[in-house]
Amino acid sequence: NSIPYLKIGDSINIRYDAFPADKFGQ
């Protein structure tokens, strides 16, 4: 259900499990 709204080149935010977002951010 997310495919119609996404395309190549879109930006995303990544949060790594090993580096908590509250300390390292996105």
mmCIF file of all heavy atoms, coordinates in Angstrom:
data_MODEL
# 
_entry.id   MODEL 
# 
loop_
_atom_site.group_PDB 
_atom_site.id 
_atom_site.type_symbol 
_atom_site.label_atom_id 
_atom_site.label_alt_id 
_atom_site.label_comp_id 
_atom_site.label_asym_id 
_atom_site.label_entity_id 
_atom_site.label_seq_id 
_atom_site.pdbx_PDB_ins_code 
_atom_site.Cartn_x 
_atom_site.Cartn_y 
_atom_site.Cartn_z 
_atom_site.occupancy 
_atom_site.B_iso_or_equiv 
_atom_site.pdbx_formal_charge 
_atom_site.auth_seq_id 
_atom_site.auth_comp_id 
_atom_site.auth_asym_id 
_atom_site.auth_atom_id 
_atom_site.pdbx_PDB_model_num 
ATOM 1   N N   . ASN A 1 1  ? 0.803  -1.218 0.000  1.00 0.00 ? 1  ASN A N   1 
ATOM 2   C CA  . ASN A 1 1  ? 0.000  0.000  0.000  1.00 0.00 ? 1  ASN A CA  1 
ATOM 3   C C   . ASN A 1 1  ? 0.839  1.274  0.000  1.00 0.00 ? 1  ASN A C   1 
ATOM 4   O O   . ASN A 1 1  ? 0.289  2.377  -0.068 1.00 0.00 ? 1  ASN A O   1 
ATOM 5   C CB  . ASN A 1 1  ? -0.965 0.005  1.191  1.00 0.00 ? 1  ASN A CB  1 
ATOM 6   C CG  . ASN A 1 1  ? -0.261 -0.187 2.528  1.00 0.00 ? 1  ASN A CG  1 
ATOM 7   O OD1 . ASN A 1 1  ? 0.975  -0.209 2.608  1.00 0.00 ? 1  ASN A OD1 1 
ATOM 8   N ND2 . ASN A 1 1  ? -1.033 -0.346 3.582  1.00 0.00 ? 1  ASN A ND2 1 
ATOM 9   N N   . SER A 1 2  ? 2.167  1.160  0.099  1.00 0.00 ? 2  SER A N   1 
ATOM 10  C CA  . SER A 1 2  ? 3.034  2.332  0.053  1.00 0.00 ? 2  SER A CA  1 
ATOM 11  C C   . SER A 1 2  ? 3.659  2.549  -1.317 1.00 0.00 ? 2  SER A C   1 
ATOM 12  O O   . SER A 1 2  ? 4.198  3.631  -1.589 1.00 0.00 ? 2  SER A O   1 
ATOM 13  C CB  . SER A 1 2  ? 4.155  2.204  1.097  1.00 0.00 ? 2  SER A CB  1 
ATOM 14  O OG  . SER A 1 2  ? 5.032  1.138  0.781  1.00 0.00 ? 2  SER A OG  1 
ATOM 15  N N   . ILE A 1 3  ? 3.603  1.545  -2.198 1.00 0.00 ? 3  ILE A N   1 
ATOM 16  C CA  . ILE A 1 3  ? 4.279  1.616  -3.489 1.00 0.00 ? 3  ILE A CA  1 
ATOM 17  C C   . ILE A 1 3  ? 3.761  2.750  -4.375 1.00 0.00 ? 3  ILE A C   1 
ATOM 18  O O   . ILE A 1 3  ? 4.565  3.432  -5.041 1.00 0.00 ? 3  ILE A O   1 
ATOM 19  C CB  . ILE A 1 3  ? 4.179  0.260  -4.225 1.00 0.00 ? 3  ILE A CB  1 
ATOM 20  C CG1 . ILE A 1 3  ? 4.887  -0.830 -3.395 1.00 0.00 ? 3  ILE A CG1 1 
ATOM 21  C CG2 . ILE A 1 3  ? 4.791  0.332  -5.610 1.00 0.00 ? 3  ILE A CG2 1 
ATOM 22  C CD1 . ILE A 1 3  ? 6.341  -0.552 -3.147 1.00 0.00 ? 3  ILE A CD1 1 
ATOM 23  N N   . PRO A 1 4  ? 2.430  3.023  -4.445 1.00 0.00 ? 4  PRO A N   1 
ATOM 24  C CA  . PRO A 1 4  ? 1.976  4.111  -5.336 1.00 0.00 ? 4  PRO A CA  1 
ATOM 25  C C   . PRO A 1 4  ? 2.532  5.477  -4.993 1.00 0.00 ? 4  PRO A C   1 
ATOM 26  O O   . PRO A 1 4  ? 2.557  6.363  -5.861 1.00 0.00 ? 4  PRO A O   1 
ATOM 27  C CB  . PRO A 1 4  ? 0.447  4.074  -5.158 1.00 0.00 ? 4  PRO A CB  1 
ATOM 28  C CG  . PRO A 1 4  ? 0.143  2.706  -4.676 1.00 0.00 ? 4  PRO A CG  1 
ATOM 29  C CD  . PRO A 1 4  ? 1.297  2.312  -3.826 1.00 0.00 ? 4  PRO A CD  1 
ATOM 30  N N   . TYR A 1 5  ? 2.985  5.685  -3.763 1.00 0.00 ? 5  TYR A N   1 
ATOM 31  C CA  . TYR A 1 5  ? 3.424  7.007  -3.327 1.00 0.00 ? 5  TYR A CA  1 
ATOM 32  C C   . TYR A 1 5  ? 4.942  7.168  -3.344 1.00 0.00 ? 5  TYR A C   1 
ATOM 33  O O   . TYR A 1 5  ? 5.439  8.249  -3.024 1.00 0.00 ? 5  TYR A O   1 
ATOM 34  C CB  . TYR A 1 5  ? 2.906  7.297  -1.918 1.00 0.00 ? 5  TYR A CB  1 
ATOM 35  C CG  . TYR A 1 5  ? 1.419  7.084  -1.771 1.00 0.00 ? 5  TYR A CG  1 
ATOM 36  C CD1 . TYR A 1 5  ? 0.917  5.977  -1.094 1.00 0.00 ? 5  TYR A CD1 1 
ATOM 37  C CD2 . TYR A 1 5  ? 0.516  7.978  -2.320 1.00 0.00 ? 5  TYR A CD2 1 
ATOM 38  C CE1 . TYR A 1 5  ? -0.441 5.769  -0.956 1.00 0.00 ? 5  TYR A CE1 1 
ATOM 39  C CE2 . TYR A 1 5  ? -0.851 7.784  -2.189 1.00 0.00 ? 5  TYR A CE2 1 
ATOM 40  C CZ  . TYR A 1 5  ? -1.318 6.677  -1.504 1.00 0.00 ? 5  TYR A CZ  1 
ATOM 41  O OH  . TYR A 1 5  ? -2.670 6.471  -1.382 1.00 0.00 ? 5  TYR A OH  1 
ATOM 42  N N   . LEU A 1 6  ? 5.689  6.108  -3.688 1.00 0.00 ? 6  LEU A N   1 
ATOM 43  C CA  . LEU A 1 6  ? 7.146  6.160  -3.641 1.00 0.00 ? 6  LEU A CA  1 
ATOM 44  C C   . LEU A 1 6  ? 7.728  6.080  -5.043 1.00 0.00 ? 6  LEU A C   1 
ATOM 45  O O   . LEU A 1 6  ? 7.156  5.462  -5.934 1.00 0.00 ? 6  LEU A O   1 
ATOM 46  C CB  . LEU A 1 6  ? 7.702  5.023  -2.784 1.00 0.00 ? 6  LEU A CB  1 
ATOM 47  C CG  . LEU A 1 6  ? 7.294  5.029  -1.308 1.00 0.00 ? 6  LEU A CG  1 
ATOM 48  C CD1 . LEU A 1 6  ? 7.817  3.785  -0.607 1.00 0.00 ? 6  LEU A CD1 1 
ATOM 49  C CD2 . LEU A 1 6  ? 7.812  6.278  -0.614 1.00 0.00 ? 6  LEU A CD2 1 
ATOM 50  N N   . LYS A 1 7  ? 8.885  6.690  -5.209 1.00 0.00 ? 7  LYS A N   1 
ATOM 51  C CA  . LYS A 1 7  ? 9.598  6.639  -6.482 1.00 0.00 ? 7  LYS A CA  1 
ATOM 52  C C   . LYS A 1 7  ? 11.090 6.706  -6.214 1.00 0.00 ? 7  LYS A C   1 
ATOM 53  O O   . LYS A 1 7  ? 11.537 7.057  -5.110 1.00 0.00 ? 7  LYS A O   1 
ATOM 54  C CB  . LYS A 1 7  ? 9.155  7.793  -7.383 1.00 0.00 ? 7  LYS A CB  1 
ATOM 55  C CG  . LYS A 1 7  ? 9.510  9.178  -6.879 1.00 0.00 ? 7  LYS A CG  1 
ATOM 56  C CD  . LYS A 1 7  ? 9.019  10.237 -7.820 1.00 0.00 ? 7  LYS A CD  1 
ATOM 57  C CE  . LYS A 1 7  ? 9.436  11.637 -7.372 1.00 0.00 ? 7  LYS A CE  1 
ATOM 58  N NZ  . LYS A 1 7  ? 8.941  11.983 -6.027 1.00 0.00 ? 7  LYS A NZ  1 
ATOM 59  N N   . ILE A 1 8  ? 11.846 6.361  -7.236 1.00 0.00 ? 8  ILE A N   1 
ATOM 60  C CA  . ILE A 1 8  ? 13.306 6.423  -7.135 1.00 0.00 ? 8  ILE A CA  1 
ATOM 61  C C   . ILE A 1 8  ? 13.736 7.874  -6.940 1.00 0.00 ? 8  ILE A C   1 
ATOM 62  O O   . ILE A 1 8  ? 13.259 8.768  -7.630 1.00 0.00 ? 8  ILE A O   1 
ATOM 63  C CB  . ILE A 1 8  ? 13.954 5.816  -8.396 1.00 0.00 ? 8  ILE A CB  1 
ATOM 64  C CG1 . ILE A 1 8  ? 13.601 4.335  -8.497 1.00 0.00 ? 8  ILE A CG1 1 
ATOM 65  C CG2 . ILE A 1 8  ? 15.465 6.011  -8.380 1.00 0.00 ? 8  ILE A CG2 1 
ATOM 66  C CD1 . ILE A 1 8  ? 14.050 3.688  -9.789 1.00 0.00 ? 8  ILE A CD1 1 
ATOM 67  N N   . GLY A 1 9  ? 14.643 8.082  -5.986 1.00 0.00 ? 9  GLY A N   1 
ATOM 68  C CA  . GLY A 1 9  ? 15.108 9.424  -5.664 1.00 0.00 ? 9  GLY A CA  1 
ATOM 69  C C   . GLY A 1 9  ? 14.493 10.015 -4.414 1.00 0.00 ? 9  GLY A C   1 
ATOM 70  O O   . GLY A 1 9  ? 14.950 11.067 -3.948 1.00 0.00 ? 9  GLY A O   1 
ATOM 71  N N   . ASP A 1 10 ? 13.441 9.370  -3.866 1.00 0.00 ? 10 ASP A N   1 
ATOM 72  C CA  . ASP A 1 10 ? 12.822 9.869  -2.642 1.00 0.00 ? 10 ASP A CA  1 
ATOM 73  C C   . ASP A 1 10 ? 13.782 9.740  -1.460 1.00 0.00 ? 10 ASP A C   1 
ATOM 74  O O   . ASP A 1 10 ? 14.560 8.787  -1.364 1.00 0.00 ? 10 ASP A O   1 
ATOM 75  C CB  . ASP A 1 10 ? 11.539 9.102  -2.345 1.00 0.00 ? 10 ASP A CB  1 
ATOM 76  C CG  . ASP A 1 10 ? 10.389 9.517  -3.255 1.00 0.00 ? 10 ASP A CG  1 
ATOM 77  O OD1 . ASP A 1 10 ? 10.554 10.515 -4.006 1.00 0.00 ? 10 ASP A OD1 1 
ATOM 78  O OD2 . ASP A 1 10 ? 9.332  8.863  -3.236 1.00 0.00 ? 10 ASP A OD2 1 
ATOM 79  N N   . SER A 1 11 ? 13.698 10.700 -0.553 1.00 0.00 ? 11 SER A N   1 
ATOM 80  C CA  . SER A 1 11 ? 14.533 10.704 0.644  1.00 0.00 ? 11 SER A CA  1 
ATOM 81  C C   . SER A 1 11 ? 13.804 10.039 1.804  1.00 0.00 ? 11 SER A C   1 
ATOM 82  O O   . SER A 1 11 ? 12.575 10.130 1.914  1.00 0.00 ? 11 SER A O   1 
ATOM 83  C CB  . SER A 1 11 ? 14.924 12.135 1.022  1.00 0.00 ? 11 SER A CB  1 
ATOM 84  O OG  . SER A 1 11 ? 15.691 12.753 0.001  1.00 0.00 ? 11 SER A OG  1 
ATOM 85  N N   . ILE A 1 12 ? 14.561 9.367  2.670  1.00 0.00 ? 12 ILE A N   1 
ATOM 86  C CA  . ILE A 1 12 ? 14.022 8.731  3.862  1.00 0.00 ? 12 ILE A CA  1 
ATOM 87  C C   . ILE A 1 12 ? 14.916 9.061  5.048  1.00 0.00 ? 12 ILE A C   1 
ATOM 88  O O   . ILE A 1 12 ? 16.046 9.544  4.873  1.00 0.00 ? 12 ILE A O   1 
ATOM 89  C CB  . ILE A 1 12 ? 13.901 7.206  3.702  1.00 0.00 ? 12 ILE A CB  1 
ATOM 90  C CG1 . ILE A 1 12 ? 15.299 6.581  3.590  1.00 0.00 ? 12 ILE A CG1 1 
ATOM 91  C CG2 . ILE A 1 12 ? 13.057 6.835  2.495  1.00 0.00 ? 12 ILE A CG2 1 
ATOM 92  C CD1 . ILE A 1 12 ? 15.282 5.074  3.683  1.00 0.00 ? 12 ILE A CD1 1 
ATOM 93  N N   . ASN A 1 13 ? 14.412 8.818  6.248  1.00 0.00 ? 13 ASN A N   1 
ATOM 94  C CA  . ASN A 1 13 ? 15.184 8.964  7.480  1.00 0.00 ? 13 ASN A CA  1 
ATOM 95  C C   . ASN A 1 13 ? 15.485 7.583  8.048  1.00 0.00 ? 13 ASN A C   1 
ATOM 96  O O   . ASN A 1 13 ? 14.604 6.725  8.110  1.00 0.00 ? 13 ASN A O   1 
ATOM 97  C CB  . ASN A 1 13 ? 14.428 9.807  8.509  1.00 0.00 ? 13 ASN A CB  1 
ATOM 98  C CG  . ASN A 1 13 ? 14.241 11.241 8.051  1.00 0.00 ? 13 ASN A CG  1 
ATOM 99  O OD1 . ASN A 1 13 ? 14.974 11.737 7.196  1.00 0.00 ? 13 ASN A OD1 1 
ATOM 100 N ND2 . ASN A 1 13 ? 13.259 11.931 8.617  1.00 0.00 ? 13 ASN A ND2 1 
ATOM 101 N N   . ILE A 1 14 ? 16.731 7.386  8.461  1.00 0.00 ? 14 ILE A N   1 
ATOM 102 C CA  . ILE A 1 14 ? 17.181 6.083  8.935  1.00 0.00 ? 14 ILE A CA  1 
ATOM 103 C C   . ILE A 1 14 ? 17.550 6.178  10.414 1.00 0.00 ? 14 ILE A C   1 
ATOM 104 O O   . ILE A 1 14 ? 18.255 7.101  10.828 1.00 0.00 ? 14 ILE A O   1 
ATOM 105 C CB  . ILE A 1 14 ? 18.398 5.579  8.127  1.00 0.00 ? 14 ILE A CB  1 
ATOM 106 C CG1 . ILE A 1 14 ? 18.072 5.562  6.627  1.00 0.00 ? 14 ILE A CG1 1 
ATOM 107 C CG2 . ILE A 1 14 ? 18.823 4.190  8.583  1.00 0.00 ? 14 ILE A CG2 1 
ATOM 108 C CD1 . ILE A 1 14 ? 19.276 5.255  5.763  1.00 0.00 ? 14 ILE A CD1 1 
ATOM 109 N N   . ARG A 1 15 ? 17.056 5.209  11.200 1.00 0.00 ? 15 ARG A N   1 
ATOM 110 C CA  . ARG A 1 15 ? 17.422 5.072  12.610 1.00 0.00 ? 15 ARG A CA  1 
ATOM 111 C C   . ARG A 1 15 ? 17.992 3.675  12.825 1.00 0.00 ? 15 ARG A C   1 
ATOM 112 O O   . ARG A 1 15 ? 17.299 2.684  12.624 1.00 0.00 ? 15 ARG A O   1 
ATOM 113 C CB  . ARG A 1 15 ? 16.210 5.303  13.512 1.00 0.00 ? 15 ARG A CB  1 
ATOM 114 C CG  . ARG A 1 15 ? 15.562 6.667  13.387 1.00 0.00 ? 15 ARG A CG  1 
ATOM 115 C CD  . ARG A 1 15 ? 14.544 6.881  14.488 1.00 0.00 ? 15 ARG A CD  1 
ATOM 116 N NE  . ARG A 1 15 ? 13.427 5.964  14.371 1.00 0.00 ? 15 ARG A NE  1 
ATOM 117 C CZ  . ARG A 1 15 ? 12.248 6.261  13.847 1.00 0.00 ? 15 ARG A CZ  1 
ATOM 118 N NH1 . ARG A 1 15 ? 12.033 7.481  13.382 1.00 0.00 ? 15 ARG A NH1 1 
ATOM 119 N NH2 . ARG A 1 15 ? 11.277 5.381  13.766 1.00 0.00 ? 15 ARG A NH2 1 
ATOM 120 N N   . TYR A 1 16 ? 19.258 3.603  13.198 1.00 0.00 ? 16 TYR A N   1 
ATOM 121 C CA  . TYR A 1 16 ? 19.919 2.324  13.419 1.00 0.00 ? 16 TYR A CA  1 
ATOM 122 C C   . TYR A 1 16 ? 19.651 1.819  14.830 1.00 0.00 ? 16 TYR A C   1 
ATOM 123 O O   . TYR A 1 16 ? 19.704 2.586  15.802 1.00 0.00 ? 16 TYR A O   1 
ATOM 124 C CB  . TYR A 1 16 ? 21.426 2.448  13.174 1.00 0.00 ? 16 TYR A CB  1 
ATOM 125 C CG  . TYR A 1 16 ? 21.780 2.901  11.785 1.00 0.00 ? 16 TYR A CG  1 
ATOM 126 C CD1 . TYR A 1 16 ? 22.227 4.196  11.544 1.00 0.00 ? 16 TYR A CD1 1 
ATOM 127 C CD2 . TYR A 1 16 ? 21.655 2.039  10.706 1.00 0.00 ? 16 TYR A CD2 1 
ATOM 128 C CE1 . TYR A 1 16 ? 22.551 4.617  10.275 1.00 0.00 ? 16 TYR A CE1 1 
ATOM 129 C CE2 . TYR A 1 16 ? 21.970 2.454  9.425  1.00 0.00 ? 16 TYR A CE2 1 
ATOM 130 C CZ  . TYR A 1 16 ? 22.418 3.739  9.206  1.00 0.00 ? 16 TYR A CZ  1 
ATOM 131 O OH  . TYR A 1 16 ? 22.729 4.151  7.938  1.00 0.00 ? 16 TYR A OH  1 
ATOM 132 N N   . ASP A 1 17 ? 19.369 0.508  14.925 1.00 0.00 ? 17 ASP A N   1 
ATOM 133 C CA  . ASP A 1 17 ? 19.088 -0.079 16.234 1.00 0.00 ? 17 ASP A CA  1 
ATOM 134 C C   . ASP A 1 17 ? 20.296 -0.001 17.158 1.00 0.00 ? 17 ASP A C   1 
ATOM 135 O O   . ASP A 1 17 ? 20.143 0.161  18.371 1.00 0.00 ? 17 ASP A O   1 
ATOM 136 C CB  . ASP A 1 17 ? 18.657 -1.541 16.066 1.00 0.00 ? 17 ASP A CB  1 
ATOM 137 C CG  . ASP A 1 17 ? 17.308 -1.670 15.372 1.00 0.00 ? 17 ASP A CG  1 
ATOM 138 O OD1 . ASP A 1 17 ? 16.681 -0.624 15.077 1.00 0.00 ? 17 ASP A OD1 1 
ATOM 139 O OD2 . ASP A 1 17 ? 16.864 -2.816 15.120 1.00 0.00 ? 17 ASP A OD2 1 
ATOM 140 N N   . ALA A 1 18 ? 21.494 -0.121 16.592 1.00 0.00 ? 18 ALA A N   1 
ATOM 141 C CA  . ALA A 1 18 ? 22.712 -0.088 17.410 1.00 0.00 ? 18 ALA A CA  1 
ATOM 142 C C   . ALA A 1 18 ? 23.081 1.315  17.864 1.00 0.00 ? 18 ALA A C   1 
ATOM 143 O O   . ALA A 1 18 ? 23.882 1.466  18.794 1.00 0.00 ? 18 ALA A O   1 
ATOM 144 C CB  . ALA A 1 18 ? 23.878 -0.708 16.633 1.00 0.00 ? 18 ALA A CB  1 
ATOM 145 N N   . PHE A 1 19 ? 22.523 2.326  17.222 1.00 0.00 ? 19 PHE A N   1 
ATOM 146 C CA  . PHE A 1 19 ? 22.808 3.711  17.560 1.00 0.00 ? 19 PHE A CA  1 
ATOM 147 C C   . PHE A 1 19 ? 21.484 4.425  17.826 1.00 0.00 ? 19 PHE A C   1 
ATOM 148 O O   . PHE A 1 19 ? 20.863 4.946  16.888 1.00 0.00 ? 19 PHE A O   1 
ATOM 149 C CB  . PHE A 1 19 ? 23.580 4.404  16.429 1.00 0.00 ? 19 PHE A CB  1 
ATOM 150 C CG  . PHE A 1 19 ? 24.773 3.624  15.950 1.00 0.00 ? 19 PHE A CG  1 
ATOM 151 C CD1 . PHE A 1 19 ? 24.821 3.144  14.653 1.00 0.00 ? 19 PHE A CD1 1 
ATOM 152 C CD2 . PHE A 1 19 ? 25.826 3.345  16.793 1.00 0.00 ? 19 PHE A CD2 1 
ATOM 153 C CE1 . PHE A 1 19 ? 25.904 2.418  14.198 1.00 0.00 ? 19 PHE A CE1 1 
ATOM 154 C CE2 . PHE A 1 19 ? 26.911 2.614  16.353 1.00 0.00 ? 19 PHE A CE2 1 
ATOM 155 C CZ  . PHE A 1 19 ? 26.960 2.147  15.050 1.00 0.00 ? 19 PHE A CZ  1 
ATOM 156 N N   . PRO A 1 20 ? 21.028 4.436  19.090 1.00 0.00 ? 20 PRO A N   1 
ATOM 157 C CA  . PRO A 1 20 ? 19.710 5.003  19.411 1.00 0.00 ? 20 PRO A CA  1 
ATOM 158 C C   . PRO A 1 20 ? 19.537 6.415  18.885 1.00 0.00 ? 20 PRO A C   1 
ATOM 159 O O   . PRO A 1 20 ? 20.454 7.247  18.963 1.00 0.00 ? 20 PRO A O   1 
ATOM 160 C CB  . PRO A 1 20 ? 19.682 4.957  20.944 1.00 0.00 ? 20 PRO A CB  1 
ATOM 161 C CG  . PRO A 1 20 ? 20.653 3.859  21.306 1.00 0.00 ? 20 PRO A CG  1 
ATOM 162 C CD  . PRO A 1 20 ? 21.737 3.931  20.279 1.00 0.00 ? 20 PRO A CD  1 
ATOM 163 N N   . ALA A 1 21 ? 18.336 6.668  18.353 1.00 0.00 ? 21 ALA A N   1 
ATOM 164 C CA  . ALA A 1 21 ? 18.076 7.961  17.722 1.00 0.00 ? 21 ALA A CA  1 
ATOM 165 C C   . ALA A 1 21 ? 18.103 9.108  18.726 1.00 0.00 ? 21 ALA A C   1 
ATOM 166 O O   . ALA A 1 21 ? 18.392 10.239 18.353 1.00 0.00 ? 21 ALA A O   1 
ATOM 167 C CB  . ALA A 1 21 ? 16.719 7.920  17.007 1.00 0.00 ? 21 ALA A CB  1 
ATOM 168 N N   . ASP A 1 22 ? 17.805 8.844  20.015 1.00 0.00 ? 22 ASP A N   1 
ATOM 169 C CA  . ASP A 1 22 ? 17.810 9.926  20.998 1.00 0.00 ? 22 ASP A CA  1 
ATOM 170 C C   . ASP A 1 22 ? 19.208 10.462 21.258 1.00 0.00 ? 22 ASP A C   1 
ATOM 171 O O   . ASP A 1 22 ? 19.352 11.590 21.754 1.00 0.00 ? 22 ASP A O   1 
ATOM 172 C CB  . ASP A 1 22 ? 17.164 9.459  22.301 1.00 0.00 ? 22 ASP A CB  1 
ATOM 173 C CG  . ASP A 1 22 ? 17.843 8.223  22.872 1.00 0.00 ? 22 ASP A CG  1 
ATOM 174 O OD1 . ASP A 1 22 ? 18.596 7.548  22.131 1.00 0.00 ? 22 ASP A OD1 1 
ATOM 175 O OD2 . ASP A 1 22 ? 17.632 7.928  24.064 1.00 0.00 ? 22 ASP A OD2 1 
ATOM 176 N N   . LYS A 1 23 ? 20.246 9.684  20.933 1.00 0.00 ? 23 LYS A N   1 
ATOM 177 C CA  . LYS A 1 23 ? 21.622 10.137 21.109 1.00 0.00 ? 23 LYS A CA  1 
ATOM 178 C C   . LYS A 1 23 ? 22.303 10.470 19.791 1.00 0.00 ? 23 LYS A C   1 
ATOM 179 O O   . LYS A 1 23 ? 23.045 11.449 19.691 1.00 0.00 ? 23 LYS A O   1 
ATOM 180 C CB  . LYS A 1 23 ? 22.442 9.089  21.863 1.00 0.00 ? 23 LYS A CB  1 
ATOM 181 C CG  . LYS A 1 23 ? 22.053 8.913  23.322 1.00 0.00 ? 23 LYS A CG  1 
ATOM 182 C CD  . LYS A 1 23 ? 22.972 7.941  24.019 1.00 0.00 ? 23 LYS A CD  1 
ATOM 183 C CE  . LYS A 1 23 ? 22.637 7.812  25.496 1.00 0.00 ? 23 LYS A CE  1 
ATOM 184 N NZ  . LYS A 1 23 ? 22.907 9.034  26.230 1.00 0.00 ? 23 LYS A NZ  1 
ATOM 185 N N   . PHE A 1 24 ? 22.066 9.638  18.771 1.00 0.00 ? 24 PHE A N   1 
ATOM 186 C CA  . PHE A 1 24 ? 22.762 9.798  17.502 1.00 0.00 ? 24 PHE A CA  1 
ATOM 187 C C   . PHE A 1 24 ? 21.908 10.476 16.431 1.00 0.00 ? 24 PHE A C   1 
ATOM 188 O O   . PHE A 1 24 ? 22.423 10.877 15.389 1.00 0.00 ? 24 PHE A O   1 
ATOM 189 C CB  . PHE A 1 24 ? 23.242 8.433  16.989 1.00 0.00 ? 24 PHE A CB  1 
ATOM 190 C CG  . PHE A 1 24 ? 24.221 7.755  17.896 1.00 0.00 ? 24 PHE A CG  1 
ATOM 191 C CD1 . PHE A 1 24 ? 23.799 6.896  18.898 1.00 0.00 ? 24 PHE A CD1 1 
ATOM 192 C CD2 . PHE A 1 24 ? 25.575 7.971  17.750 1.00 0.00 ? 24 PHE A CD2 1 
ATOM 193 C CE1 . PHE A 1 24 ? 24.702 6.261  19.733 1.00 0.00 ? 24 PHE A CE1 1 
ATOM 194 C CE2 . PHE A 1 24 ? 26.486 7.336  18.578 1.00 0.00 ? 24 PHE A CE2 1 
ATOM 195 C CZ  . PHE A 1 24 ? 26.046 6.483  19.580 1.00 0.00 ? 24 PHE A CZ  1 
ATOM 196 N N   . GLY A 1 25 ? 20.609 10.577 16.666 1.00 0.00 ? 25 GLY A N   1 
ATOM 197 C CA  . GLY A 1 25 ? 19.746 11.213 15.695 1.00 0.00 ? 25 GLY A CA  1 
ATOM 198 C C   . GLY A 1 25 ? 19.414 10.296 14.528 1.00 0.00 ? 25 GLY A C   1 
ATOM 199 O O   . GLY A 1 25 ? 19.690 9.097  14.531 1.00 0.00 ? 25 GLY A O   1 
ATOM 200 N N   . GLN A 1 26 ? 18.825 10.887 13.492 1.00 0.00 ? 26 GLN A N   1 
ATOM 201 C CA  . GLN A 1 26 ? 18.460 10.169 12.281 1.00 0.00 ? 26 GLN A CA  1 
ATOM 202 C C   . GLN A 1 26 ? 19.447 10.488 11.165 1.00 0.00 ? 26 GLN A C   1 
ATOM 203 O O   . GLN A 1 26 ? 20.101 11.524 11.184 1.00 0.00 ? 26 GLN A O   1 
ATOM 204 C CB  . GLN A 1 26 ? 17.031 10.523 11.844 1.00 0.00 ? 26 GLN A CB  1 
ATOM 205 C CG  . GLN A 1 26 ? 15.975 10.222 12.888 1.00 0.00 ? 26 GLN A CG  1 
ATOM 206 C CD  . GLN A 1 26 ? 14.580 10.499 12.393 1.00 0.00 ? 26 GLN A CD  1 
ATOM 207 O OE1 . GLN A 1 26 ? 13.806 9.586  12.104 1.00 0.00 ? 26 GLN A OE1 1 
ATOM 208 N NE2 . GLN A 1 26 ? 14.216 11.767 12.306 1.00 0.00 ? 26 GLN A NE2 1 
# 
